[in-house]
């Protein structure tokens, strides 16, 4: 009789333990699936696009260029570039090179990133002498994202190109009187 009571009490404890483990087991199983599913899909490289670029300042020695990038992470998990390395070229001549700290790339979203670099004025003038006079300088940005996350560590190369537009010099933008233009009329 005592043995039956002990067996019955133990049976209740085992059932109670099994009932309490079921939600925990289910949670572990779901967590495991949410971790394994992205791995099964595989890693997709982020895509880098130039969103905008502009000259921030010009001195006798340097042109300060700001390039705004949009980095799209197609993966279902965030990525954390430790560094972003890049080279800027004009007419196949490298005019700048730098490394900047990375930024967290949100899962399945586009993240803005700003590059600021100083280009020696004489180097830019040699690489794009005619383009500087016309007010447009086509350029290529080559680089790599040095990524690390819970699942992935690698360098992801990128290449993007765009055109940097300068405002034309005032002499070229507004014809002077000496070129045969009329002065602006004060009448409407």
Protein backbone atom coordinates (compact mmCIF):
# COMPACT_ATOMS: atom_id res chain seq x y z
CA UNK A 1 0.00 0.00 0.00
CA UNK A 2 2.76 2.39 0.87
CA UNK A 3 4.54 1.40 -2.29
CA UNK A 4 1.41 2.18 -4.34
CA UNK A 5 1.06 5.60 -2.74
CA UNK A 6 4.70 6.40 -3.39
CA UNK A 7 4.42 5.22 -7.00
CA UNK A 8 1.21 7.19 -7.50
CA UNK A 9 2.80 10.35 -5.96
CA UNK A 10 5.86 9.94 -8.12
CA UNK A 11 3.67 9.49 -11.20
CA UNK A 12 1.92 12.79 -10.41
CA UNK A 13 5.28 14.56 -10.05
CA UNK A 14 6.48 13.17 -13.37
CA UNK A 15 3.25 14.27 -15.10
CA UNK A 16 3.49 17.70 -13.51
CA UNK A 17 7.13 18.00 -14.62
CA UNK A 18 6.21 16.85 -18.15
CA UNK A 19 3.40 19.43 -18.34
CA UNK A 20 5.70 22.23 -17.21
CA UNK A 21 8.44 21.18 -19.65
CA UNK A 22 6.13 21.12 -22.67
CA UNK A 23 5.86 24.95 -22.99
CA UNK A 24 9.59 25.23 -22.30
CA UNK A 25 10.37 22.53 -24.87
CA UNK A 26 8.11 24.24 -27.39
CA UNK A 27 9.85 27.56 -26.77
CA UNK A 28 13.28 25.97 -27.25
CA UNK A 29 12.10 24.30 -30.45
CA UNK A 30 10.70 27.57 -31.86
CA UNK A 31 13.83 29.48 -30.87
CA UNK A 32 15.95 26.82 -32.55
CA UNK A 33 13.89 27.11 -35.75
CA UNK A 34 14.15 30.90 -35.77
CA UNK A 35 17.93 30.63 -35.50
CA UNK A 36 18.35 27.80 -38.01
CA UNK A 37 15.93 29.14 -40.66
CA UNK A 38 18.10 32.16 -41.59
CA UNK A 39 21.12 29.89 -41.82
CA UNK A 40 19.27 27.50 -44.10
CA UNK A 41 18.35 30.41 -46.40
CA UNK A 42 22.00 31.38 -46.68
CA UNK A 43 23.89 34.64 -46.49
CA UNK A 44 23.18 37.38 -49.03
CA UNK A 45 25.69 40.18 -49.50
CA UNK A 46 24.51 43.69 -48.63
CA UNK A 47 24.07 46.04 -51.59
CA UNK A 48 25.66 49.49 -51.58
CA UNK A 49 24.29 52.40 -53.60
CA UNK A 50 25.40 56.00 -53.76
CA UNK A 51 22.43 58.08 -52.67
CA UNK A 52 24.02 61.52 -53.04
CA UNK A 53 27.36 63.28 -53.11
CA UNK A 54 28.40 66.85 -52.65
CA UNK A 55 31.40 69.07 -52.16
CA UNK A 56 31.32 70.31 -48.57
CA UNK A 57 34.25 72.69 -48.89
CA UNK A 58 37.16 73.65 -51.11
CA UNK A 59 40.46 75.03 -49.91
CA UNK A 60 43.71 75.73 -51.71
CA UNK A 61 44.87 72.21 -50.83
CA UNK A 62 41.77 69.97 -50.53
CA UNK A 63 38.27 69.30 -51.74
CA UNK A 64 36.15 67.87 -48.92
CA UNK A 65 33.69 65.40 -50.40
CA UNK A 66 30.67 63.90 -48.65
CA UNK A 67 29.18 60.75 -50.14
CA UNK A 68 25.89 59.44 -48.77
CA UNK A 69 25.39 55.71 -49.19
CA UNK A 70 22.35 53.49 -48.79
CA UNK A 71 23.40 50.00 -47.64
CA UNK A 72 20.64 47.40 -48.01
CA UNK A 73 20.86 44.25 -45.87
CA UNK A 74 18.65 41.55 -47.46
CA UNK A 75 19.26 39.07 -44.62
CA UNK A 76 16.70 38.32 -41.88
CA UNK A 77 19.29 39.22 -39.22
CA UNK A 78 21.32 42.34 -38.51
CA UNK A 79 24.93 42.71 -39.62
CA UNK A 80 27.67 44.69 -37.93
CA UNK A 81 30.44 45.95 -40.21
CA UNK A 82 33.50 46.58 -38.07
CA UNK A 83 34.97 48.82 -40.75
CA UNK A 84 34.18 50.16 -44.18
CA UNK A 85 37.18 50.54 -46.45
CA UNK A 86 36.93 52.46 -49.69
CA UNK A 87 38.86 53.93 -52.60
CA UNK A 88 37.58 56.79 -54.73
CA UNK A 89 38.73 56.93 -58.36
CA UNK A 90 38.25 59.48 -61.11
CA UNK A 91 39.13 58.41 -64.68
CA UNK A 92 40.83 55.28 -63.27
CA UNK A 93 43.08 57.41 -61.05
CA UNK A 94 42.75 56.83 -57.31
CA UNK A 95 42.19 60.19 -55.64
CA UNK A 96 41.29 59.10 -52.09
CA UNK A 97 41.40 56.06 -49.82
CA UNK A 98 40.16 55.68 -46.25
CA UNK A 99 38.73 53.37 -43.59
CA UNK A 100 35.82 54.37 -41.37
CA UNK A 101 34.10 52.60 -38.48
CA UNK A 102 31.01 50.64 -39.55
CA UNK A 103 27.38 51.03 -38.63
CA UNK A 104 24.79 48.39 -37.68
CA UNK A 105 22.83 47.18 -40.71
CA UNK A 106 19.22 46.45 -39.77
CA UNK A 107 17.71 43.17 -41.02
CA UNK A 108 15.92 43.43 -44.38
CA UNK A 109 16.29 47.22 -44.48
CA UNK A 110 18.33 50.02 -45.95
CA UNK A 111 20.73 51.91 -43.66
CA UNK A 112 22.21 55.33 -44.48
CA UNK A 113 25.97 55.75 -44.17
CA UNK A 114 28.03 58.88 -44.77
CA UNK A 115 31.59 58.94 -46.05
CA UNK A 116 33.59 62.15 -45.73
CA UNK A 117 36.97 62.37 -47.39
CA UNK A 118 39.51 65.03 -48.27
CA UNK A 119 40.84 64.84 -51.82
CA UNK A 120 44.04 66.73 -52.62
CA UNK A 121 42.96 69.46 -55.04
CA UNK A 122 45.90 68.95 -57.40
CA UNK A 123 45.18 65.20 -57.60
CA UNK A 124 41.53 65.84 -58.47
CA UNK A 125 42.50 68.50 -61.03
CA UNK A 126 44.94 66.08 -62.73
CA UNK A 127 42.40 63.25 -62.76
CA UNK A 128 39.53 65.33 -64.09
CA UNK A 129 40.85 68.59 -65.51
CA UNK A 130 38.19 68.92 -68.24
CA UNK A 131 35.43 67.63 -65.99
CA UNK A 132 36.14 70.25 -63.34
CA UNK A 133 35.66 72.99 -65.96
CA UNK A 134 32.36 71.46 -67.08
CA UNK A 135 31.10 71.09 -63.53
CA UNK A 136 30.73 67.28 -63.51
CA UNK A 137 33.18 64.70 -62.26
CA UNK A 138 32.25 61.03 -62.75
CA UNK A 139 33.72 58.82 -60.03
CA UNK A 140 33.86 55.21 -58.88
CA UNK A 141 33.75 54.07 -55.26
CA UNK A 142 35.31 50.64 -54.61
CA UNK A 143 35.37 49.18 -51.14
CA UNK A 144 34.52 46.44 -48.72
CA UNK A 145 32.35 45.98 -45.67
CA UNK A 146 34.18 43.99 -42.99
CA UNK A 147 31.24 42.13 -41.49
CA UNK A 148 30.78 40.14 -38.34
CA UNK A 149 27.62 38.77 -36.77
CA UNK A 150 26.62 35.78 -34.74
CA UNK A 151 26.76 33.62 -37.88
CA UNK A 152 28.96 35.40 -40.41
CA UNK A 153 32.43 36.95 -40.61
CA UNK A 154 33.67 38.09 -44.00
CA UNK A 155 34.69 40.95 -46.25
CA UNK A 156 31.97 41.93 -48.70
CA UNK A 157 33.27 43.94 -51.67
CA UNK A 158 31.18 46.65 -53.31
CA UNK A 159 31.45 48.98 -56.29
CA UNK A 160 29.29 52.00 -57.01
CA UNK A 161 29.60 54.95 -59.34
CA UNK A 162 28.07 58.37 -59.67
CA UNK A 163 28.71 61.90 -60.91
CA UNK A 164 29.75 64.74 -58.63
CA UNK A 165 28.19 67.98 -59.84
CA UNK A 166 29.84 71.27 -59.06
CA UNK A 167 27.98 74.54 -59.47
CA UNK A 168 29.44 76.17 -62.56
CA UNK A 169 31.64 79.21 -61.93
CA UNK A 170 29.66 82.44 -61.78
CA UNK A 171 31.35 83.75 -64.98
CA UNK A 172 29.98 80.80 -66.94
CA UNK A 173 26.54 80.68 -65.32
CA UNK A 174 25.55 84.30 -65.98
CA UNK A 175 26.69 85.92 -69.22
CA UNK A 176 28.42 89.25 -68.64
CA UNK A 177 27.52 92.45 -70.50
CA UNK A 178 30.66 92.08 -72.55
CA UNK A 179 29.17 88.96 -74.22
CA UNK A 180 26.29 90.90 -75.67
CA UNK A 181 23.71 90.21 -73.00
CA UNK A 182 21.21 92.80 -71.90
CA UNK A 183 21.03 93.96 -68.31
CA UNK A 184 18.05 92.56 -66.43
CA UNK A 185 14.88 94.60 -66.94
CA UNK A 186 13.30 96.24 -63.94
CA UNK A 187 9.90 96.12 -65.65
CA UNK A 188 7.60 93.12 -65.29
